[in-house]
């Protein structure tokens, strides 16, 4: 399929996609269709996709609200990793364990 990212050459865009999927723990899912991913995996792919745009700030608006409880921790772990890398984030959540 088409690979377009900010005018970047296709090979570079694919390399960045692999790097970002690795960052969110999904390098092994690079060829998976969305229907084959869990809710938490889909959310982590969405985070990787947003990171591909090299934002200065990330907004997470109830990023875990639609997830089954057992999938919440995998998304929270990615946000904690981004915080450790000094990514500026605005996080809206009702997840008091995470917010505290």
PDB file of N, CA and C in Angstrom:
ATOM      1  N   UNK A   1       0.810  -1.190   0.000  1.00  0.00           N
ATOM      2  CA  UNK A   1       0.000   0.000   0.000  1.00  0.00           C
ATOM      3  C   UNK A   1       0.852   1.251   0.000  1.00  0.00           C
ATOM      4  N   UNK A   2       0.212   2.380  -0.101  1.00  0.00           N
ATOM      5  CA  UNK A   2       0.949   3.647  -0.128  1.00  0.00           C
ATOM      6  C   UNK A   2       1.615   3.950   1.212  1.00  0.00           C
ATOM      7  N   UNK A   3       2.785   4.525   1.126  1.00  0.00           N
ATOM      8  CA  UNK A   3       3.532   4.932   2.317  1.00  0.00           C
ATOM      9  C   UNK A   3       3.908   6.395   2.122  1.00  0.00           C
ATOM     10  N   UNK A   4       3.254   7.268   2.871  1.00  0.00           N
ATOM     11  CA  UNK A   4       3.507   8.702   2.738  1.00  0.00           C
ATOM     12  C   UNK A   4       3.698   9.286   4.135  1.00  0.00           C
ATOM     13  N   UNK A   5       4.805   9.995   4.323  1.00  0.00           N
ATOM     14  CA  UNK A   5       5.066  10.641   5.607  1.00  0.00           C
ATOM     15  C   UNK A   5       5.864  11.912   5.384  1.00  0.00           C
ATOM     16  N   UNK A   6       5.191  13.027   5.372  1.00  0.00           N
ATOM     17  CA  UNK A   6       5.836  14.338   5.298  1.00  0.00           C
ATOM     18  C   UNK A   6       6.852  14.444   4.162  1.00  0.00           C
ATOM     19  N   UNK A   7       6.568  13.856   2.997  1.00  0.00           N
ATOM     20  CA  UNK A   7       7.467  13.947   1.856  1.00  0.00           C
ATOM     21  C   UNK A   7       8.736  13.122   1.989  1.00  0.00           C
ATOM     22  N   UNK A   8       8.796  12.262   2.983  1.00  0.00           N
ATOM     23  CA  UNK A   8       9.963  11.427   3.248  1.00  0.00           C
ATOM     24  C   UNK A   8      10.038  10.304   2.206  1.00  0.00           C
ATOM     25  N   UNK A   9      11.250   9.916   1.787  1.00  0.00           N
ATOM     26  CA  UNK A   9      11.361   8.757   0.893  1.00  0.00           C
ATOM     27  C   UNK A   9      10.726   7.518   1.543  1.00  0.00           C
ATOM     28  N   UNK A  10      10.135   6.670   0.715  1.00  0.00           N
ATOM     29  CA  UNK A  10       9.403   5.496   1.201  1.00  0.00           C
ATOM     30  C   UNK A  10      10.261   4.628   2.128  1.00  0.00           C
ATOM     31  N   UNK A  11      11.512   4.390   1.756  1.00  0.00           N
ATOM     32  CA  UNK A  11      12.386   3.538   2.578  1.00  0.00           C
ATOM     33  C   UNK A  11      12.610   4.156   3.960  1.00  0.00           C
ATOM     34  N   UNK A  12      12.781   5.470   4.007  1.00  0.00           N
ATOM     35  CA  UNK A  12      12.970   6.149   5.293  1.00  0.00           C
ATOM     36  C   UNK A  12      11.703   6.089   6.140  1.00  0.00           C
ATOM     37  N   UNK A  13      10.553   6.262   5.493  1.00  0.00           N
ATOM     38  CA  UNK A  13       9.273   6.196   6.213  1.00  0.00           C
ATOM     39  C   UNK A  13       9.062   4.804   6.792  1.00  0.00           C
ATOM     40  N   UNK A  14       9.404   3.772   6.024  1.00  0.00           N
ATOM     41  CA  UNK A  14       9.258   2.399   6.524  1.00  0.00           C
ATOM     42  C   UNK A  14      10.213   2.134   7.687  1.00  0.00           C
ATOM     43  N   UNK A  15      11.431   2.646   7.595  1.00  0.00           N
ATOM     44  CA  UNK A  15      12.399   2.471   8.686  1.00  0.00           C
ATOM     45  C   UNK A  15      11.906   3.168   9.955  1.00  0.00           C
ATOM     46  N   UNK A  16      11.357   4.362   9.803  1.00  0.00           N
ATOM     47  CA  UNK A  16      10.815   5.085  10.960  1.00  0.00           C
ATOM     48  C   UNK A  16       9.624   4.337  11.550  1.00  0.00           C
ATOM     49  N   UNK A  17       8.766   3.799  10.686  1.00  0.00           N
ATOM     50  CA  UNK A  17       7.617   3.022  11.169  1.00  0.00           C
ATOM     51  C   UNK A  17       8.092   1.840  12.004  1.00  0.00           C
ATOM     52  N   UNK A  18       9.111   1.137  11.525  1.00  0.00           N
ATOM     53  CA  UNK A  18       9.633  -0.013  12.271  1.00  0.00           C
ATOM     54  C   UNK A  18      10.217   0.436  13.607  1.00  0.00           C
ATOM     55  N   UNK A  19      10.960   1.537  13.591  1.00  0.00           N
ATOM     56  CA  UNK A  19      11.552   2.071  14.825  1.00  0.00           C
ATOM     57  C   UNK A  19      10.474   2.442  15.846  1.00  0.00           C
ATOM     58  N   UNK A  20       9.425   3.120  15.385  1.00  0.00           N
ATOM     59  CA  UNK A  20       8.378   3.561  16.306  1.00  0.00           C
ATOM     60  C   UNK A  20       7.514   2.400  16.792  1.00  0.00           C
ATOM     61  N   UNK A  21       7.255   1.431  15.931  1.00  0.00           N
ATOM     62  CA  UNK A  21       6.517   0.248  16.391  1.00  0.00           C
ATOM     63  C   UNK A  21       7.345  -0.522  17.419  1.00  0.00           C
ATOM     64  N   UNK A  22       8.659  -0.563  17.232  1.00  0.00           N
ATOM     65  CA  UNK A  22       9.533  -1.190  18.233  1.00  0.00           C
ATOM     66  C   UNK A  22       9.438  -0.444  19.556  1.00  0.00           C
ATOM     67  N   UNK A  23       9.417   0.883  19.475  1.00  0.00           N
ATOM     68  CA  UNK A  23       9.353   1.721  20.674  1.00  0.00           C
ATOM     69  C   UNK A  23       8.106   1.430  21.497  1.00  0.00           C
ATOM     70  N   UNK A  24       6.982   1.131  20.831  1.00  0.00           N
ATOM     71  CA  UNK A  24       5.737   0.850  21.552  1.00  0.00           C
ATOM     72  C   UNK A  24       5.513  -0.652  21.734  1.00  0.00           C
ATOM     73  N   UNK A  25       6.554  -1.450  21.455  1.00  0.00           N
ATOM     74  CA  UNK A  25       6.497  -2.888  21.704  1.00  0.00           C
ATOM     75  C   UNK A  25       5.732  -3.694  20.678  1.00  0.00           C
ATOM     76  N   UNK A  26       5.652  -3.192  19.439  1.00  0.00           N
ATOM     77  CA  UNK A  26       4.857  -3.887  18.425  1.00  0.00           C
ATOM     78  C   UNK A  26       5.614  -4.138  17.123  1.00  0.00           C
ATOM     79  N   UNK A  27       6.925  -4.238  17.167  1.00  0.00           N
ATOM     80  CA  UNK A  27       7.699  -4.474  15.946  1.00  0.00           C
ATOM     81  C   UNK A  27       7.252  -5.746  15.236  1.00  0.00           C
ATOM     82  N   UNK A  28       6.834  -6.734  16.008  1.00  0.00           N
ATOM     83  CA  UNK A  28       6.411  -8.005  15.413  1.00  0.00           C
ATOM     84  C   UNK A  28       5.053  -7.908  14.721  1.00  0.00           C
ATOM     85  N   UNK A  29       4.364  -6.794  14.871  1.00  0.00           N
ATOM     86  CA  UNK A  29       3.029  -6.618  14.277  1.00  0.00           C
ATOM     87  C   UNK A  29       3.057  -5.702  13.054  1.00  0.00           C
ATOM     88  N   UNK A  30       4.233  -5.442  12.504  1.00  0.00           N
ATOM     89  CA  UNK A  30       4.355  -4.463  11.429  1.00  0.00           C
ATOM     90  C   UNK A  30       3.489  -4.803  10.216  1.00  0.00           C
ATOM     91  N   UNK A  31       3.246  -6.071   9.957  1.00  0.00           N
ATOM     92  CA  UNK A  31       2.428  -6.467   8.806  1.00  0.00           C
ATOM     93  C   UNK A  31       1.016  -6.892   9.197  1.00  0.00           C
ATOM     94  N   UNK A  32       0.647  -6.706  10.457  1.00  0.00           N
ATOM     95  CA  UNK A  32      -0.673  -7.147  10.932  1.00  0.00           C
ATOM     96  C   UNK A  32      -1.767  -6.170  10.506  1.00  0.00           C
ATOM     97  N   UNK A  33      -2.919  -6.711  10.188  1.00  0.00           N
ATOM     98  CA  UNK A  33      -4.093  -5.893   9.891  1.00  0.00           C
ATOM     99  C   UNK A  33      -4.739  -5.458  11.209  1.00  0.00           C
ATOM    100  N   UNK A  34      -5.389  -4.300  11.223  1.00  0.00           N
ATOM    101  CA  UNK A  34      -6.021  -3.814  12.458  1.00  0.00           C
ATOM    102  C   UNK A  34      -6.976  -4.817  13.098  1.00  0.00           C
ATOM    103  N   UNK A  35      -7.677  -5.597  12.297  1.00  0.00           N
ATOM    104  CA  UNK A  35      -8.627  -6.568  12.852  1.00  0.00           C
ATOM    105  C   UNK A  35      -7.932  -7.655  13.666  1.00  0.00           C
ATOM    106  N   UNK A  36      -6.627  -7.789  13.502  1.00  0.00           N
ATOM    107  CA  UNK A  36      -5.855  -8.801  14.229  1.00  0.00           C
ATOM    108  C   UNK A  36      -5.192  -8.250  15.491  1.00  0.00           C
ATOM    109  N   UNK A  37      -5.419  -6.967  15.785  1.00  0.00           N
ATOM    110  CA  UNK A  37      -4.796  -6.341  16.953  1.00  0.00           C
ATOM    111  C   UNK A  37      -5.806  -6.169  18.079  1.00  0.00           C
ATOM    112  N   UNK A  38      -5.325  -6.257  19.308  1.00  0.00           N
ATOM    113  CA  UNK A  38      -6.175  -5.982  20.469  1.00  0.00           C
ATOM    114  C   UNK A  38      -6.397  -4.474  20.567  1.00  0.00           C
ATOM    115  N   UNK A  39      -7.311  -4.073  21.427  1.00  0.00           N
ATOM    116  CA  UNK A  39      -7.555  -2.648  21.635  1.00  0.00           C
ATOM    117  C   UNK A  39      -6.315  -1.913  22.107  1.00  0.00           C
ATOM    118  N   UNK A  40      -5.578  -2.530  23.018  1.00  0.00           N
ATOM    119  CA  UNK A  40      -4.350  -1.913  23.517  1.00  0.00           C
ATOM    120  C   UNK A  40      -3.292  -1.791  22.434  1.00  0.00           C
ATOM    121  N   UNK A  41      -3.202  -2.817  21.582  1.00  0.00           N
ATOM    122  CA  UNK A  41      -2.248  -2.762  20.476  1.00  0.00           C
ATOM    123  C   UNK A  41      -2.633  -1.669  19.483  1.00  0.00           C
ATOM    124  N   UNK A  42      -3.926  -1.549  19.188  1.00  0.00           N
ATOM    125  CA  UNK A  42      -4.382  -0.485  18.279  1.00  0.00           C
ATOM    126  C   UNK A  42      -4.049   0.888  18.849  1.00  0.00           C
ATOM    127  N   UNK A  43      -4.212   1.041  20.143  1.00  0.00           N
ATOM    128  CA  UNK A  43      -3.917   2.326  20.776  1.00  0.00           C
ATOM    129  C   UNK A  43      -2.425   2.625  20.697  1.00  0.00           C
ATOM    130  N   UNK A  44      -1.586   1.608  20.888  1.00  0.00           N
ATOM    131  CA  UNK A  44      -0.137   1.813  20.796  1.00  0.00           C
ATOM    132  C   UNK A  44       0.289   2.124  19.366  1.00  0.00           C
ATOM    133  N   UNK A  45      -0.373   1.517  18.366  1.00  0.00           N
ATOM    134  CA  UNK A  45      -0.102   1.866  16.964  1.00  0.00           C
ATOM    135  C   UNK A  45      -0.467   3.329  16.724  1.00  0.00           C
ATOM    136  N   UNK A  46      -1.585   3.767  17.293  1.00  0.00           N
ATOM    137  CA  UNK A  46      -1.997   5.168  17.142  1.00  0.00           C
ATOM    138  C   UNK A  46      -0.952   6.112  17.745  1.00  0.00           C
ATOM    139  N   UNK A  47      -0.369   5.719  18.863  1.00  0.00           N
ATOM    140  CA  UNK A  47       0.679   6.533  19.485  1.00  0.00           C
ATOM    141  C   UNK A  47       1.900   6.590  18.567  1.00  0.00           C
ATOM    142  N   UNK A  48       2.296   5.438  18.015  1.00  0.00           N
ATOM    143  CA  UNK A  48       3.437   5.402  17.091  1.00  0.00           C
ATOM    144  C   UNK A  48       3.170   6.279  15.873  1.00  0.00           C
ATOM    145  N   UNK A  49       1.956   6.204  15.348  1.00  0.00           N
ATOM    146  CA  UNK A  49       1.584   7.009  14.176  1.00  0.00           C
ATOM    147  C   UNK A  49       1.690   8.503  14.500  1.00  0.00           C
ATOM    148  N   UNK A  50       1.232   8.891  15.684  1.00  0.00           N
ATOM    149  CA  UNK A  50       1.331  10.297  16.088  1.00  0.00           C
ATOM    150  C   UNK A  50       2.791  10.714  16.259  1.00  0.00           C
ATOM    151  N   UNK A  51       3.610   9.839  16.834  1.00  0.00           N
ATOM    152  CA  UNK A  51       5.028  10.147  17.027  1.00  0.00           C
ATOM    153  C   UNK A  51       5.763  10.317  15.700  1.00  0.00           C
ATOM    154  N   UNK A  52       5.283   9.664  14.655  1.00  0.00           N
ATOM    155  CA  UNK A  52       5.913   9.781  13.335  1.00  0.00           C
ATOM    156  C   UNK A  52       5.885  11.218  12.824  1.00  0.00           C
ATOM    157  N   UNK A  53       4.954  12.002  13.314  1.00  0.00           N
ATOM    158  CA  UNK A  53       4.854  13.406  12.905  1.00  0.00           C
ATOM    159  C   UNK A  53       5.815  14.303  13.689  1.00  0.00           C
ATOM    160  N   UNK A  54       6.590  13.719  14.592  1.00  0.00           N
ATOM    161  CA  UNK A  54       7.579  14.412  15.419  1.00  0.00           C
ATOM    162  C   UNK A  54       6.978  15.619  16.153  1.00  0.00           C
ATOM    163  N   UNK A  55       5.921  15.357  16.939  1.00  0.00           N
ATOM    164  CA  UNK A  55       5.262  16.466  17.639  1.00  0.00           C
ATOM    165  C   UNK A  55       6.101  16.985  18.807  1.00  0.00           C
ATOM    166  N   UNK A  56       5.849  18.219  19.174  1.00  0.00           N
ATOM    167  CA  UNK A  56       6.483  18.789  20.368  1.00  0.00           C
ATOM    168  C   UNK A  56       5.675  18.437  21.607  1.00  0.00           C
ATOM    169  N   UNK A  57       4.367  18.229  21.427  1.00  0.00           N
ATOM    170  CA  UNK A  57       3.453  17.910  22.518  1.00  0.00           C
ATOM    171  C   UNK A  57       2.522  16.802  22.051  1.00  0.00           C
ATOM    172  N   UNK A  58       2.243  15.851  22.942  1.00  0.00           N
ATOM    173  CA  UNK A  58       1.274  14.785  22.650  1.00  0.00           C
ATOM    174  C   UNK A  58       0.069  14.989  23.564  1.00  0.00           C
ATOM    175  N   UNK A  59      -1.130  14.884  22.997  1.00  0.00           N
ATOM    176  CA  UNK A  59      -2.369  14.958  23.766  1.00  0.00           C
ATOM    177  C   UNK A  59      -2.962  13.561  23.846  1.00  0.00           C
ATOM    178  N   UNK A  60      -3.187  13.090  25.053  1.00  0.00           N
ATOM    179  CA  UNK A  60      -3.848  11.806  25.277  1.00  0.00           C
ATOM    180  C   UNK A  60      -5.175  12.104  25.955  1.00  0.00           C
ATOM    181  N   UNK A  61      -6.261  11.938  25.230  1.00  0.00           N
ATOM    182  CA  UNK A  61      -7.596  12.212  25.768  1.00  0.00           C
ATOM    183  C   UNK A  61      -8.286  10.885  26.058  1.00  0.00           C
ATOM    184  N   UNK A  62      -8.257  10.486  27.325  1.00  0.00           N
ATOM    185  CA  UNK A  62      -8.862   9.215  27.747  1.00  0.00           C
ATOM    186  C   UNK A  62      -8.351   8.059  26.887  1.00  0.00           C
ATOM    187  N   UNK A  63      -7.033   7.967  26.757  1.00  0.00           N
ATOM    188  CA  UNK A  63      -6.403   6.967  25.890  1.00  0.00           C
ATOM    189  C   UNK A  63      -6.724   5.530  26.282  1.00  0.00           C
ATOM    190  N   UNK A  64      -7.113   5.315  27.539  1.00  0.00           N
ATOM    191  CA  UNK A  64      -7.373   3.948  27.997  1.00  0.00           C
ATOM    192  C   UNK A  64      -8.837   3.693  28.336  1.00  0.00           C
ATOM    193  N   UNK A  65      -9.695   4.676  28.141  1.00  0.00           N
ATOM    194  CA  UNK A  65     -11.082   4.549  28.616  1.00  0.00           C
ATOM    195  C   UNK A  65     -11.871   3.441  27.928  1.00  0.00           C
ATOM    196  N   UNK A  66     -11.567   3.128  26.675  1.00  0.00           N
ATOM    197  CA  UNK A  66     -12.321   2.108  25.946  1.00  0.00           C
ATOM    198  C   UNK A  66     -11.662   0.732  26.012  1.00  0.00           C
ATOM    199  N   UNK A  67     -10.587   0.616  26.780  1.00  0.00           N
ATOM    200  CA  UNK A  67      -9.841  -0.640  26.823  1.00  0.00           C
ATOM    201  C   UNK A  67     -10.307  -1.537  27.958  1.00  0.00           C
ATOM    202  N   UNK A  68     -10.156  -2.839  27.737  1.00  0.00           N
ATOM    203  CA  UNK A  68     -10.374  -3.795  28.814  1.00  0.00           C
ATOM    204  C   UNK A  68      -9.313  -3.535  29.883  1.00  0.00           C
ATOM    205  N   UNK A  69      -9.662  -3.742  31.155  1.00  0.00           N
ATOM    206  CA  UNK A  69      -8.717  -3.437  32.243  1.00  0.00           C
ATOM    207  C   UNK A  69      -7.335  -4.072  32.070  1.00  0.00           C
ATOM    208  N   UNK A  70      -7.267  -5.273  31.519  1.00  0.00           N
ATOM    209  CA  UNK A  70      -5.969  -5.937  31.380  1.00  0.00           C
ATOM    210  C   UNK A  70      -5.097  -5.305  30.296  1.00  0.00           C
ATOM    211  N   UNK A  71      -5.669  -4.456  29.439  1.00  0.00           N
ATOM    212  CA  UNK A  71      -4.900  -3.813  28.371  1.00  0.00           C
ATOM    213  C   UNK A  71      -4.449  -2.398  28.733  1.00  0.00           C
ATOM    214  N   UNK A  72      -4.993  -1.855  29.801  1.00  0.00           N
ATOM    215  CA  UNK A  72      -4.692  -0.477  30.202  1.00  0.00           C
ATOM    216  C   UNK A  72      -3.204  -0.306  30.508  1.00  0.00           C
ATOM    217  N   UNK A  73      -2.610  -1.251  31.208  1.00  0.00           N
ATOM    218  CA  UNK A  73      -1.217  -1.112  31.631  1.00  0.00           C
ATOM    219  C   UNK A  73      -0.253  -1.008  30.459  1.00  0.00           C
ATOM    220  N   UNK A  74      -0.533  -1.705  29.339  1.00  0.00           N
ATOM    221  CA  UNK A  74       0.401  -1.642  28.212  1.00  0.00           C
ATOM    222  C   UNK A  74       0.406  -0.247  27.580  1.00  0.00           C
ATOM    223  N   UNK A  75      -0.719   0.423  27.544  1.00  0.00           N
ATOM    224  CA  UNK A  75      -0.774   1.790  27.009  1.00  0.00           C
ATOM    225  C   UNK A  75      -0.150   2.759  28.012  1.00  0.00           C
ATOM    226  N   UNK A  76      -0.455   2.593  29.284  1.00  0.00           N
ATOM    227  CA  UNK A  76       0.149   3.447  30.313  1.00  0.00           C
ATOM    228  C   UNK A  76       1.673   3.320  30.311  1.00  0.00           C
ATOM    229  N   UNK A  77       2.179   2.117  30.056  1.00  0.00           N
ATOM    230  CA  UNK A  77       3.629   1.906  30.021  1.00  0.00           C
ATOM    231  C   UNK A  77       4.275   2.722  28.904  1.00  0.00           C
ATOM    232  N   UNK A  78       3.610   2.814  27.763  1.00  0.00           N
ATOM    233  CA  UNK A  78       4.145   3.617  26.657  1.00  0.00           C
ATOM    234  C   UNK A  78       4.175   5.092  27.048  1.00  0.00           C
ATOM    235  N   UNK A  79       3.115   5.568  27.700  1.00  0.00           N
ATOM    236  CA  UNK A  79       3.094   6.973  28.124  1.00  0.00           C
ATOM    237  C   UNK A  79       4.188   7.246  29.157  1.00  0.00           C
ATOM    238  N   UNK A  80       4.419   6.308  30.065  1.00  0.00           N
ATOM    239  CA  UNK A  80       5.492   6.468  31.052  1.00  0.00           C
ATOM    240  C   UNK A  80       6.854   6.506  30.363  1.00  0.00           C
ATOM    241  N   UNK A  81       7.030   5.673  29.338  1.00  0.00           N
ATOM    242  CA  UNK A  81       8.282   5.660  28.576  1.00  0.00           C
ATOM    243  C   UNK A  81       8.497   7.012  27.890  1.00  0.00           C
ATOM    244  N   UNK A  82       7.444   7.557  27.295  1.00  0.00           N
ATOM    245  CA  UNK A  82       7.550   8.869  26.648  1.00  0.00           C
ATOM    246  C   UNK A  82       7.898   9.953  27.665  1.00  0.00           C
ATOM    247  N   UNK A  83       7.322   9.871  28.853  1.00  0.00           N
ATOM    248  CA  UNK A  83       7.646  10.835  29.913  1.00  0.00           C
ATOM    249  C   UNK A  83       9.124  10.734  30.290  1.00  0.00           C
ATOM    250  N   UNK A  84       9.636   9.516  30.372  1.00  0.00           N
ATOM    251  CA  UNK A  84      11.046   9.311  30.702  1.00  0.00           C
ATOM    252  C   UNK A  84      11.960   9.888  29.625  1.00  0.00           C
ATOM    253  N   UNK A  85      11.444   9.965  28.388  1.00  0.00           N
ATOM    254  CA  UNK A  85      12.210  10.537  27.271  1.00  0.00           C
ATOM    255  C   UNK A  85      11.960  12.043  27.135  1.00  0.00           C
ATOM    256  N   UNK A  86      11.279  12.616  28.118  1.00  0.00           N
ATOM    257  CA  UNK A  86      11.013  14.058  28.187  1.00  0.00           C
ATOM    258  C   UNK A  86      10.057  14.561  27.112  1.00  0.00           C
ATOM    259  N   UNK A  87       9.139  13.715  26.665  1.00  0.00           N
ATOM    260  CA  UNK A  87       8.091  14.157  25.743  1.00  0.00           C
ATOM    261  C   UNK A  87       7.083  14.960  26.554  1.00  0.00           C
ATOM    262  N   UNK A  88       6.751  16.143  26.087  1.00  0.00           N
ATOM    263  CA  UNK A  88       5.719  16.941  26.737  1.00  0.00           C
ATOM    264  C   UNK A  88       4.371  16.336  26.388  1.00  0.00           C
ATOM    265  N   UNK A  89       3.561  16.055  27.418  1.00  0.00           N
ATOM    266  CA  UNK A  89       2.265  15.418  27.196  1.00  0.00           C
ATOM    267  C   UNK A  89       1.193  16.108  28.013  1.00  0.00           C
ATOM    268  N   UNK A  90       0.008  16.184  27.438  1.00  0.00           N
ATOM    269  CA  UNK A  90      -1.192  16.603  28.148  1.00  0.00           C
ATOM    270  C   UNK A  90      -2.068  15.363  28.204  1.00  0.00           C
ATOM    271  N   UNK A  91      -2.323  14.874  29.408  1.00  0.00           N
ATOM    272  CA  UNK A  91      -3.046  13.614  29.572  1.00  0.00           C
ATOM    273  C   UNK A  91      -4.348  13.864  30.310  1.00  0.00           C
ATOM    274  N   UNK A  92      -5.449  13.522  29.657  1.00  0.00           N
ATOM    275  CA  UNK A  92      -6.775  13.580  30.273  1.00  0.00           C
ATOM    276  C   UNK A  92      -7.133  12.146  30.626  1.00  0.00           C
ATOM    277  N   UNK A  93      -7.382  11.879  31.915  1.00  0.00           N
ATOM    278  CA  UNK A  93      -7.678  10.508  32.325  1.00  0.00           C
ATOM    279  C   UNK A  93      -8.530  10.486  33.591  1.00  0.00           C
ATOM    280  N   UNK A  94      -9.306   9.427  33.716  1.00  0.00           N
ATOM    281  CA  UNK A  94     -10.009   9.144  34.963  1.00  0.00           C
ATOM    282  C   UNK A  94      -9.285   8.025  35.714  1.00  0.00           C
ATOM    283  N   UNK A  95      -8.179   7.585  35.178  1.00  0.00           N
ATOM    284  CA  UNK A  95      -7.378   6.499  35.735  1.00  0.00           C
ATOM    285  C   UNK A  95      -6.548   7.053  36.897  1.00  0.00           C
ATOM    286  N   UNK A  96      -7.117   7.047  38.086  1.00  0.00           N
ATOM    287  CA  UNK A  96      -6.474   7.695  39.227  1.00  0.00           C
ATOM    288  C   UNK A  96      -5.158   7.028  39.625  1.00  0.00           C
ATOM    289  N   UNK A  97      -5.046   5.713  39.442  1.00  0.00           N
ATOM    290  CA  UNK A  97      -3.774   5.041  39.737  1.00  0.00           C
ATOM    291  C   UNK A  97      -2.657   5.616  38.873  1.00  0.00           C
ATOM    292  N   UNK A  98      -2.968   5.880  37.612  1.00  0.00           N
ATOM    293  CA  UNK A  98      -1.967   6.402  36.679  1.00  0.00           C
ATOM    294  C   UNK A  98      -1.690   7.879  36.943  1.00  0.00           C
ATOM    295  N   UNK A  99      -2.723   8.646  37.234  1.00  0.00           N
ATOM    296  CA  UNK A  99      -2.589  10.095  37.422  1.00  0.00           C
ATOM    297  C   UNK A  99      -1.822  10.442  38.692  1.00  0.00           C
ATOM    298  N   UNK A 100      -1.850   9.555  39.674  1.00  0.00           N
ATOM    299  CA  UNK A 100      -1.261   9.852  40.976  1.00  0.00           C
ATOM    300  C   UNK A 100       0.186   9.826  41.052  1.00  0.00           C
TER     301      UNK A 100
END
